[in-house]
Amino acid sequence: MMAKPFEEALFAMQPGEVRGPVKTEFGWHVIKLEEIAEEKSRSFEEVRAELEPEMRRAEVEKAFGDRQEELDTLAFEAAGDLESVATKMGLPVHRVAGFTRAGGGELGSNPALIEAVFAADTLAGRELRTVERAPGRVVALGVTAHQPAVARPLEEIRPLIVNAARLEQAHRLGRTTRNCRARAQFLRRQGRSGAARCLGCARRRRHAPGAPRCPRAKGIASASVGSVRHLQHRAFREPGGQG
């Protein structure tokens, strides 16, 4: 955009004319007008290919916005009756069984959706919620039945405890083995592989200066097994003394 004094002087000139000096906030100017090009307007057919996609997109966004607003209003007024909202909107109703706080089914694990499902009024069946799952995808949802969280029986989680204990023991023993190998490699580099071996950490010599420390494998294995046995004892000797 040109400064006002510059613009006024320019549009009062004829081709080939020189005018100035003209003062603006940018300084002093000497202006020469070389030619005037006639303004050309493009026909509708020339710009149609550019305008049509934009117009269609705007129409779709408006139509979606209107439908979303209608859905929000009906869901708010329905007092938990999802069937009536679906009928008025001409939308199908999908049922998802076993939906948890981790999500589930076709609804996935959208955090906003999970929060809406487990809202107090939604769980009580008094309210419907609308949630935007993704750009251009909005759902109205309600809860038909809710089962409160309960503690799982010991027999049901016994395999999980056993597997966790075994994995922990394997991890500790594997770490001990790696330490033993590291020490053995260090001793070999020092030329002492025959005199100072590391076999289950039954060391025949003291640690050489700078050698990696290696805890006694047998001791760690025993401690690990003892810890696992203690865990199993606690897990398998819960109320009733069964196990």
C-alpha atoms as a PDB file:
ATOM      1  CA  MET A   1       0.000   0.000   0.000  1.00  0.00           C
ATOM      2  CA  MET A   2       1.377   3.371  -1.051  1.00  0.00           C
ATOM      3  CA  ALA A   3       1.637   6.433   1.167  1.00  0.00           C
ATOM      4  CA  LYS A   4      -1.249   8.849   0.637  1.00  0.00           C
ATOM      5  CA  PRO A   5       0.747  11.813  -0.865  1.00  0.00           C
ATOM      6  CA  PHE A   6       2.602   9.422  -3.190  1.00  0.00           C
ATOM      7  CA  GLU A   7      -0.650   7.789  -4.329  1.00  0.00           C
ATOM      8  CA  GLU A   8      -2.379  11.145  -4.971  1.00  0.00           C
ATOM      9  CA  ALA A   9       0.528  12.438  -7.020  1.00  0.00           C
ATOM     10  CA  LEU A  10       0.883   9.221  -9.013  1.00  0.00           C
ATOM     11  CA  PHE A  11      -2.756   8.917 -10.046  1.00  0.00           C
ATOM     12  CA  ALA A  12      -2.839  12.575 -11.157  1.00  0.00           C
ATOM     13  CA  MET A  13       0.012  12.043 -13.642  1.00  0.00           C
ATOM     14  CA  GLN A  14       0.062  11.187 -17.351  1.00  0.00           C
ATOM     15  CA  PRO A  15       2.389   8.640 -19.018  1.00  0.00           C
ATOM     16  CA  GLY A  16       5.902  10.093 -19.448  1.00  0.00           C
ATOM     17  CA  GLU A  17       5.362  12.785 -16.821  1.00  0.00           C
ATOM     18  CA  VAL A  18       7.859  13.429 -14.013  1.00  0.00           C
ATOM     19  CA  ARG A  19       6.658  14.935 -10.772  1.00  0.00           C
ATOM     20  CA  GLY A  20       8.320  15.814  -7.512  1.00  0.00           C
ATOM     21  CA  PRO A  21       9.653  16.191  -5.079  1.00  0.00           C
ATOM     22  CA  VAL A  22       6.805  14.520  -3.154  1.00  0.00           C
ATOM     23  CA  LYS A  23       7.135  14.269   0.614  1.00  0.00           C
ATOM     24  CA  THR A  24       5.895  11.224   2.533  1.00  0.00           C
ATOM     25  CA  GLU A  25       6.748   9.705   5.935  1.00  0.00           C
ATOM     26  CA  PHE A  26       9.458   7.772   4.123  1.00  0.00           C
ATOM     27  CA  GLY A  27      11.204  10.853   2.742  1.00  0.00           C
ATOM     28  CA  TRP A  28      11.247  12.821  -0.536  1.00  0.00           C
ATOM     29  CA  HIS A  29      10.399  11.210  -3.897  1.00  0.00           C
ATOM     30  CA  VAL A  30      10.695  12.064  -7.588  1.00  0.00           C
ATOM     31  CA  ILE A  31       8.129  10.113  -9.563  1.00  0.00           C
ATOM     32  CA  LYS A  32       8.098   9.216 -13.245  1.00  0.00           C
ATOM     33  CA  LEU A  33       5.050   7.493 -14.734  1.00  0.00           C
ATOM     34  CA  GLU A  34       6.061   5.384 -17.726  1.00  0.00           C
ATOM     35  CA  GLU A  35       2.733   3.820 -18.706  1.00  0.00           C
ATOM     36  CA  ILE A  36      -0.769   2.993 -17.534  1.00  0.00           C
ATOM     37  CA  ALA A  37      -1.970  -0.589 -17.918  1.00  0.00           C
ATOM     38  CA  GLU A  38      -5.674  -1.137 -18.283  1.00  0.00           C
ATOM     39  CA  GLU A  39      -7.283  -3.127 -15.489  1.00  0.00           C
ATOM     40  CA  LYS A  40      -8.374  -6.559 -16.606  1.00  0.00           C
ATOM     41  CA  SER A  41     -10.974  -8.675 -14.857  1.00  0.00           C
ATOM     42  CA  ARG A  42     -11.023 -12.441 -15.161  1.00  0.00           C
ATOM     43  CA  SER A  43     -14.203 -14.151 -16.259  1.00  0.00           C
ATOM     44  CA  PHE A  44     -16.068 -16.542 -13.991  1.00  0.00           C
ATOM     45  CA  GLU A  45     -15.048 -19.492 -16.139  1.00  0.00           C
ATOM     46  CA  GLU A  46     -11.397 -18.546 -15.677  1.00  0.00           C
ATOM     47  CA  VAL A  47     -11.630 -18.548 -11.881  1.00  0.00           C
ATOM     48  CA  ARG A  48     -14.211 -21.310 -11.510  1.00  0.00           C
ATOM     49  CA  ALA A  49     -11.637 -24.082 -11.072  1.00  0.00           C
ATOM     50  CA  GLU A  50     -10.034 -22.113  -8.230  1.00  0.00           C
ATOM     51  CA  LEU A  51     -13.245 -21.098  -6.471  1.00  0.00           C
ATOM     52  CA  GLU A  52     -15.266 -24.312  -6.721  1.00  0.00           C
ATOM     53  CA  PRO A  53     -13.245 -26.492  -4.265  1.00  0.00           C
ATOM     54  CA  GLU A  54     -13.131 -23.680  -1.725  1.00  0.00           C
ATOM     55  CA  MET A  55     -16.881 -23.059  -1.995  1.00  0.00           C
ATOM     56  CA  ARG A  56     -17.658 -26.752  -1.614  1.00  0.00           C
ATOM     57  CA  ARG A  57     -15.418 -27.028   1.434  1.00  0.00           C
ATOM     58  CA  ALA A  58     -17.111 -24.028   3.005  1.00  0.00           C
ATOM     59  CA  GLU A  59     -20.563 -25.516   2.331  1.00  0.00           C
ATOM     60  CA  VAL A  60     -19.572 -28.871   3.860  1.00  0.00           C
ATOM     61  CA  GLU A  61     -18.135 -27.204   6.956  1.00  0.00           C
ATOM     62  CA  LYS A  62     -21.271 -25.141   7.411  1.00  0.00           C
ATOM     63  CA  ALA A  63     -23.545 -28.160   6.988  1.00  0.00           C
ATOM     64  CA  PHE A  64     -21.468 -30.182   9.454  1.00  0.00           C
ATOM     65  CA  GLY A  65     -21.470 -27.326  11.959  1.00  0.00           C
ATOM     66  CA  ASP A  66     -25.254 -27.031  11.726  1.00  0.00           C
ATOM     67  CA  ARG A  67     -25.718 -30.786  12.257  1.00  0.00           C
ATOM     68  CA  GLN A  68     -23.308 -30.807  15.181  1.00  0.00           C
ATOM     69  CA  GLU A  69     -25.162 -27.936  16.824  1.00  0.00           C
ATOM     70  CA  GLU A  70     -28.457 -29.781  16.342  1.00  0.00           C
ATOM     71  CA  LEU A  71     -26.949 -32.957  17.845  1.00  0.00           C
ATOM     72  CA  ASP A  72     -25.614 -31.036  20.844  1.00  0.00           C
ATOM     73  CA  THR A  73     -29.028 -29.490  21.475  1.00  0.00           C
ATOM     74  CA  LEU A  74     -30.965 -32.755  21.165  1.00  0.00           C
ATOM     75  CA  ALA A  75     -28.474 -34.625  23.359  1.00  0.00           C
ATOM     76  CA  PHE A  76     -28.744 -31.952  26.039  1.00  0.00           C
ATOM     77  CA  GLU A  77     -32.552 -32.087  26.008  1.00  0.00           C
ATOM     78  CA  ALA A  78     -32.852 -35.884  25.783  1.00  0.00           C
ATOM     79  CA  ALA A  79     -32.129 -36.585  29.480  1.00  0.00           C
ATOM     80  CA  GLY A  80     -30.204 -39.743  28.627  1.00  0.00           C
ATOM     81  CA  ASP A  81     -32.538 -41.063  25.884  1.00  0.00           C
ATOM     82  CA  LEU A  82     -30.135 -41.813  23.043  1.00  0.00           C
ATOM     83  CA  GLU A  83     -32.744 -43.642  20.936  1.00  0.00           C
ATOM     84  CA  SER A  84     -34.864 -40.504  20.599  1.00  0.00           C
ATOM     85  CA  VAL A  85     -31.838 -38.465  19.482  1.00  0.00           C
ATOM     86  CA  ALA A  86     -30.902 -41.095  16.885  1.00  0.00           C
ATOM     87  CA  THR A  87     -34.456 -41.159  15.542  1.00  0.00           C
ATOM     88  CA  LYS A  88     -34.693 -37.377  15.182  1.00  0.00           C
ATOM     89  CA  MET A  89     -31.247 -37.140  13.556  1.00  0.00           C
ATOM     90  CA  GLY A  90     -31.675 -40.224  11.361  1.00  0.00           C
ATOM     91  CA  LEU A  91     -28.515 -41.796  12.772  1.00  0.00           C
ATOM     92  CA  PRO A  92     -27.742 -45.448  13.649  1.00  0.00           C
ATOM     93  CA  VAL A  93     -27.131 -46.570  17.225  1.00  0.00           C
ATOM     94  CA  HIS A  94     -24.061 -48.720  17.936  1.00  0.00           C
ATOM     95  CA  ARG A  95     -23.601 -50.634  21.167  1.00  0.00           C
ATOM     96  CA  VAL A  96     -20.189 -51.249  22.718  1.00  0.00           C
ATOM     97  CA  ALA A  97     -19.889 -53.868  25.441  1.00  0.00           C
ATOM     98  CA  GLY A  98     -17.118 -53.995  28.033  1.00  0.00           C
ATOM     99  CA  PHE A  99     -15.948 -50.394  27.678  1.00  0.00           C
ATOM    100  CA  THR A 100     -13.405 -49.609  30.423  1.00  0.00           C
ATOM    101  CA  ARG A 101     -11.292 -46.661  31.513  1.00  0.00           C
ATOM    102  CA  ALA A 102      -8.715 -47.910  29.024  1.00  0.00           C
ATOM    103  CA  GLY A 103     -11.254 -47.651  26.208  1.00  0.00           C
ATOM    104  CA  GLY A 104     -12.559 -50.467  24.064  1.00  0.00           C
ATOM    105  CA  GLY A 105     -14.338 -51.534  20.904  1.00  0.00           C
ATOM    106  CA  GLU A 106     -14.883 -49.213  17.996  1.00  0.00           C
ATOM    107  CA  LEU A 107     -14.730 -46.170  20.274  1.00  0.00           C
ATOM    108  CA  GLY A 108     -11.007 -46.687  20.855  1.00  0.00           C
ATOM    109  CA  SER A 109      -9.152 -44.951  23.659  1.00  0.00           C
ATOM    110  CA  ASN A 110      -9.820 -41.266  23.048  1.00  0.00           C
ATOM    111  CA  PRO A 111      -9.170 -39.541  26.439  1.00  0.00           C
ATOM    112  CA  ALA A 112     -11.995 -37.011  25.969  1.00  0.00           C
ATOM    113  CA  LEU A 113     -14.412 -39.802  25.109  1.00  0.00           C
ATOM    114  CA  ILE A 114     -13.390 -41.906  28.138  1.00  0.00           C
ATOM    115  CA  GLU A 115     -13.845 -38.875  30.380  1.00  0.00           C
ATOM    116  CA  ALA A 116     -17.329 -38.285  28.948  1.00  0.00           C
ATOM    117  CA  VAL A 117     -18.372 -41.922  29.402  1.00  0.00           C
ATOM    118  CA  PHE A 118     -17.285 -42.042  33.053  1.00  0.00           C
ATOM    119  CA  ALA A 119     -18.775 -38.696  34.044  1.00  0.00           C
ATOM    120  CA  ALA A 120     -21.126 -39.136  36.995  1.00  0.00           C
ATOM    121  CA  ASP A 121     -24.309 -38.033  35.209  1.00  0.00           C
ATOM    122  CA  THR A 122     -23.494 -40.173  32.181  1.00  0.00           C
ATOM    123  CA  LEU A 123     -22.911 -43.281  34.298  1.00  0.00           C
ATOM    124  CA  ALA A 124     -26.187 -42.633  36.090  1.00  0.00           C
ATOM    125  CA  GLY A 125     -28.032 -42.519  32.741  1.00  0.00           C
ATOM    126  CA  ARG A 126     -29.251 -38.955  33.294  1.00  0.00           C
ATOM    127  CA  GLU A 127     -27.225 -37.309  30.558  1.00  0.00           C
ATOM    128  CA  LEU A 128     -25.851 -37.799  27.061  1.00  0.00           C
ATOM    129  CA  ARG A 129     -22.497 -36.408  26.000  1.00  0.00           C
ATOM    130  CA  THR A 130     -21.247 -35.379  22.548  1.00  0.00           C
ATOM    131  CA  VAL A 131     -17.562 -35.821  21.776  1.00  0.00           C
ATOM    132  CA  GLU A 132     -15.489 -35.027  18.709  1.00  0.00           C
ATOM    133  CA  ARG A 133     -13.559 -38.266  18.100  1.00  0.00           C
ATOM    134  CA  ALA A 134     -11.607 -36.786  15.183  1.00  0.00           C
ATOM    135  CA  PRO A 135     -11.947 -33.799  12.844  1.00  0.00           C
ATOM    136  CA  GLY A 136     -15.316 -34.200  11.159  1.00  0.00           C
ATOM    137  CA  ARG A 137     -16.474 -37.077  13.410  1.00  0.00           C
ATOM    138  CA  VAL A 138     -18.744 -36.408  16.386  1.00  0.00           C
ATOM    139  CA  VAL A 139     -20.615 -38.966  18.491  1.00  0.00           C
ATOM    140  CA  ALA A 140     -23.395 -38.695  21.054  1.00  0.00           C
ATOM    141  CA  LEU A 141     -23.068 -41.333  23.745  1.00  0.00           C
ATOM    142  CA  GLY A 142     -24.841 -42.635  26.795  1.00  0.00           C
ATOM    143  CA  VAL A 143     -24.364 -45.477  29.270  1.00  0.00           C
ATOM    144  CA  THR A 144     -26.995 -48.233  29.538  1.00  0.00           C
ATOM    145  CA  ALA A 145     -25.333 -50.257  32.311  1.00  0.00           C
ATOM    146  CA  HIS A 146     -22.377 -49.731  34.603  1.00  0.00           C
ATOM    147  CA  GLN A 147     -20.463 -52.305  36.639  1.00  0.00           C
ATOM    148  CA  PRO A 148     -18.305 -50.735  39.378  1.00  0.00           C
ATOM    149  CA  ALA A 149     -14.690 -51.826  39.656  1.00  0.00           C
ATOM    150  CA  VAL A 150     -14.085 -54.883  41.883  1.00  0.00           C
ATOM    151  CA  ALA A 151     -10.953 -56.621  43.165  1.00  0.00           C
ATOM    152  CA  ARG A 152      -9.961 -59.588  41.018  1.00  0.00           C
ATOM    153  CA  PRO A 153      -9.844 -62.996  42.758  1.00  0.00           C
ATOM    154  CA  LEU A 154      -6.420 -64.337  43.694  1.00  0.00           C
ATOM    155  CA  GLU A 155      -6.842 -67.435  41.545  1.00  0.00           C
ATOM    156  CA  GLU A 156      -7.467 -65.204  38.539  1.00  0.00           C
ATOM    157  CA  ILE A 157      -4.272 -63.195  38.966  1.00  0.00           C
ATOM    158  CA  ARG A 158      -2.045 -66.082  40.151  1.00  0.00           C
ATOM    159  CA  PRO A 159      -0.557 -66.653  36.624  1.00  0.00           C
ATOM    160  CA  LEU A 160       0.274 -62.938  36.356  1.00  0.00           C
ATOM    161  CA  ILE A 161       2.145 -63.002  39.675  1.00  0.00           C
ATOM    162  CA  VAL A 162       4.076 -66.158  38.737  1.00  0.00           C
ATOM    163  CA  ASN A 163       5.097 -64.747  35.358  1.00  0.00           C
ATOM    164  CA  ALA A 164       6.196 -61.445  36.904  1.00  0.00           C
ATOM    165  CA  ALA A 165       8.302 -63.284  39.496  1.00  0.00           C
ATOM    166  CA  ARG A 166       9.966 -65.454  36.863  1.00  0.00           C
ATOM    167  CA  LEU A 167      10.750 -62.455  34.679  1.00  0.00           C
ATOM    168  CA  GLU A 168      12.289 -60.619  37.623  1.00  0.00           C
ATOM    169  CA  GLN A 169      14.473 -63.602  38.513  1.00  0.00           C
ATOM    170  CA  ALA A 170      15.583 -64.072  34.906  1.00  0.00           C
ATOM    171  CA  HIS A 171      16.472 -60.390  34.646  1.00  0.00           C
ATOM    172  CA  ARG A 172      18.630 -60.485  37.784  1.00  0.00           C
ATOM    173  CA  LEU A 173      20.425 -63.668  36.787  1.00  0.00           C
ATOM    174  CA  GLY A 174      21.051 -62.287  33.306  1.00  0.00           C
ATOM    175  CA  ARG A 175      22.555 -59.121  34.778  1.00  0.00           C
ATOM    176  CA  THR A 176      24.838 -61.218  37.018  1.00  0.00           C
ATOM    177  CA  THR A 177      26.020 -63.265  34.038  1.00  0.00           C
ATOM    178  CA  ARG A 178      26.859 -60.106  32.103  1.00  0.00           C
ATOM    179  CA  ASN A 179      28.914 -58.803  35.032  1.00  0.00           C
ATOM    180  CA  CYS A 180      30.850 -62.072  35.233  1.00  0.00           C
ATOM    181  CA  ARG A 181      31.629 -61.970  31.522  1.00  0.00           C
ATOM    182  CA  ALA A 182      32.785 -58.365  31.767  1.00  0.00           C
ATOM    183  CA  ARG A 183      35.219 -59.259  34.554  1.00  0.00           C
ATOM    184  CA  ALA A 184      36.522 -62.295  32.691  1.00  0.00           C
ATOM    185  CA  GLN A 185      37.184 -60.175  29.604  1.00  0.00           C
ATOM    186  CA  PHE A 186      39.028 -57.607  31.712  1.00  0.00           C
ATOM    187  CA  LEU A 187      41.247 -60.295  33.262  1.00  0.00           C
ATOM    188  CA  ARG A 188      42.046 -61.766  29.857  1.00  0.00           C
ATOM    189  CA  ARG A 189      43.104 -58.351  28.621  1.00  0.00           C
ATOM    190  CA  GLN A 190      45.405 -58.152  31.658  1.00  0.00           C
ATOM    191  CA  GLY A 191      46.979 -61.512  30.704  1.00  0.00           C
ATOM    192  CA  ARG A 192      45.716 -63.217  33.866  1.00  0.00           C
ATOM    193  CA  SER A 193      42.997 -65.477  32.506  1.00  0.00           C
ATOM    194  CA  GLY A 194      44.624 -68.653  33.870  1.00  0.00           C
ATOM    195  CA  ALA A 195      45.483 -67.451  37.351  1.00  0.00           C
ATOM    196  CA  ALA A 196      42.412 -65.365  38.093  1.00  0.00           C
ATOM    197  CA  ARG A 197      39.333 -66.839  36.568  1.00  0.00           C
ATOM    198  CA  CYS A 198      35.744 -65.692  37.095  1.00  0.00           C
ATOM    199  CA  LEU A 199      33.640 -68.821  37.329  1.00  0.00           C
ATOM    200  CA  GLY A 200      30.433 -67.984  39.136  1.00  0.00           C
ATOM    201  CA  CYS A 201      32.518 -65.306  40.865  1.00  0.00           C
ATOM    202  CA  ALA A 202      34.652 -67.967  42.654  1.00  0.00           C
ATOM    203  CA  ARG A 203      37.616 -65.610  42.437  1.00  0.00           C
ATOM    204  CA  ARG A 204      41.126 -66.932  43.086  1.00  0.00           C
ATOM    205  CA  ARG A 205      42.605 -63.459  43.377  1.00  0.00           C
ATOM    206  CA  ARG A 206      41.576 -60.033  44.510  1.00  0.00           C
ATOM    207  CA  HIS A 207      40.143 -57.565  42.009  1.00  0.00           C
ATOM    208  CA  ALA A 208      42.841 -55.985  39.923  1.00  0.00           C
ATOM    209  CA  PRO A 209      42.947 -52.184  40.094  1.00  0.00           C
ATOM    210  CA  GLY A 210      40.249 -50.817  37.777  1.00  0.00           C
ATOM    211  CA  ALA A 211      38.585 -54.201  37.258  1.00  0.00           C
ATOM    212  CA  PRO A 212      34.769 -54.107  37.134  1.00  0.00           C
ATOM    213  CA  ARG A 213      33.218 -55.330  40.349  1.00  0.00           C
ATOM    214  CA  CYS A 214      31.256 -58.513  40.013  1.00  0.00           C
ATOM    215  CA  PRO A 215      28.908 -59.564  42.831  1.00  0.00           C
ATOM    216  CA  ARG A 216      28.814 -63.207  43.796  1.00  0.00           C
ATOM    217  CA  ALA A 217      26.517 -64.895  41.324  1.00  0.00           C
ATOM    218  CA  LYS A 218      25.578 -67.640  43.734  1.00  0.00           C
ATOM    219  CA  GLY A 219      24.690 -65.175  46.446  1.00  0.00           C
ATOM    220  CA  ILE A 220      22.579 -63.037  44.112  1.00  0.00           C
ATOM    221  CA  ALA A 221      20.877 -66.083  42.638  1.00  0.00           C
ATOM    222  CA  SER A 222      20.002 -67.295  46.128  1.00  0.00           C
ATOM    223  CA  ALA A 223      18.744 -63.868  47.162  1.00  0.00           C
ATOM    224  CA  SER A 224      16.677 -63.639  43.998  1.00  0.00           C
ATOM    225  CA  VAL A 225      15.175 -67.083  44.471  1.00  0.00           C
ATOM    226  CA  GLY A 226      14.502 -66.305  48.110  1.00  0.00           C
ATOM    227  CA  SER A 227      12.721 -63.091  47.109  1.00  0.00           C
ATOM    228  CA  VAL A 228      10.631 -64.930  44.539  1.00  0.00           C
ATOM    229  CA  ARG A 229       9.735 -67.679  46.994  1.00  0.00           C
ATOM    230  CA  HIS A 230       8.689 -65.034  49.496  1.00  0.00           C
ATOM    231  CA  LEU A 231       6.510 -63.345  46.855  1.00  0.00           C
ATOM    232  CA  GLN A 232       4.968 -66.653  45.840  1.00  0.00           C
ATOM    233  CA  HIS A 233       4.373 -67.567  49.474  1.00  0.00           C
ATOM    234  CA  ARG A 234       2.570 -64.270  50.025  1.00  0.00           C
ATOM    235  CA  ALA A 235       0.607 -64.626  46.807  1.00  0.00           C
ATOM    236  CA  PHE A 236      -0.376 -68.248  47.281  1.00  0.00           C
ATOM    237  CA  ARG A 237      -1.035 -68.097  51.033  1.00  0.00           C
ATOM    238  CA  GLU A 238      -3.620 -65.345  51.037  1.00  0.00           C
ATOM    239  CA  PRO A 239      -6.796 -65.661  53.155  1.00  0.00           C
ATOM    240  CA  GLY A 240      -7.744 -69.230  53.933  1.00  0.00           C
ATOM    241  CA  GLY A 241      -4.193 -70.579  53.926  1.00  0.00           C
ATOM    242  CA  GLN A 242      -4.668 -72.216  50.514  1.00  0.00           C
ATOM    243  CA  GLY A 243      -1.833 -72.707  48.062  1.00  0.00           C
END
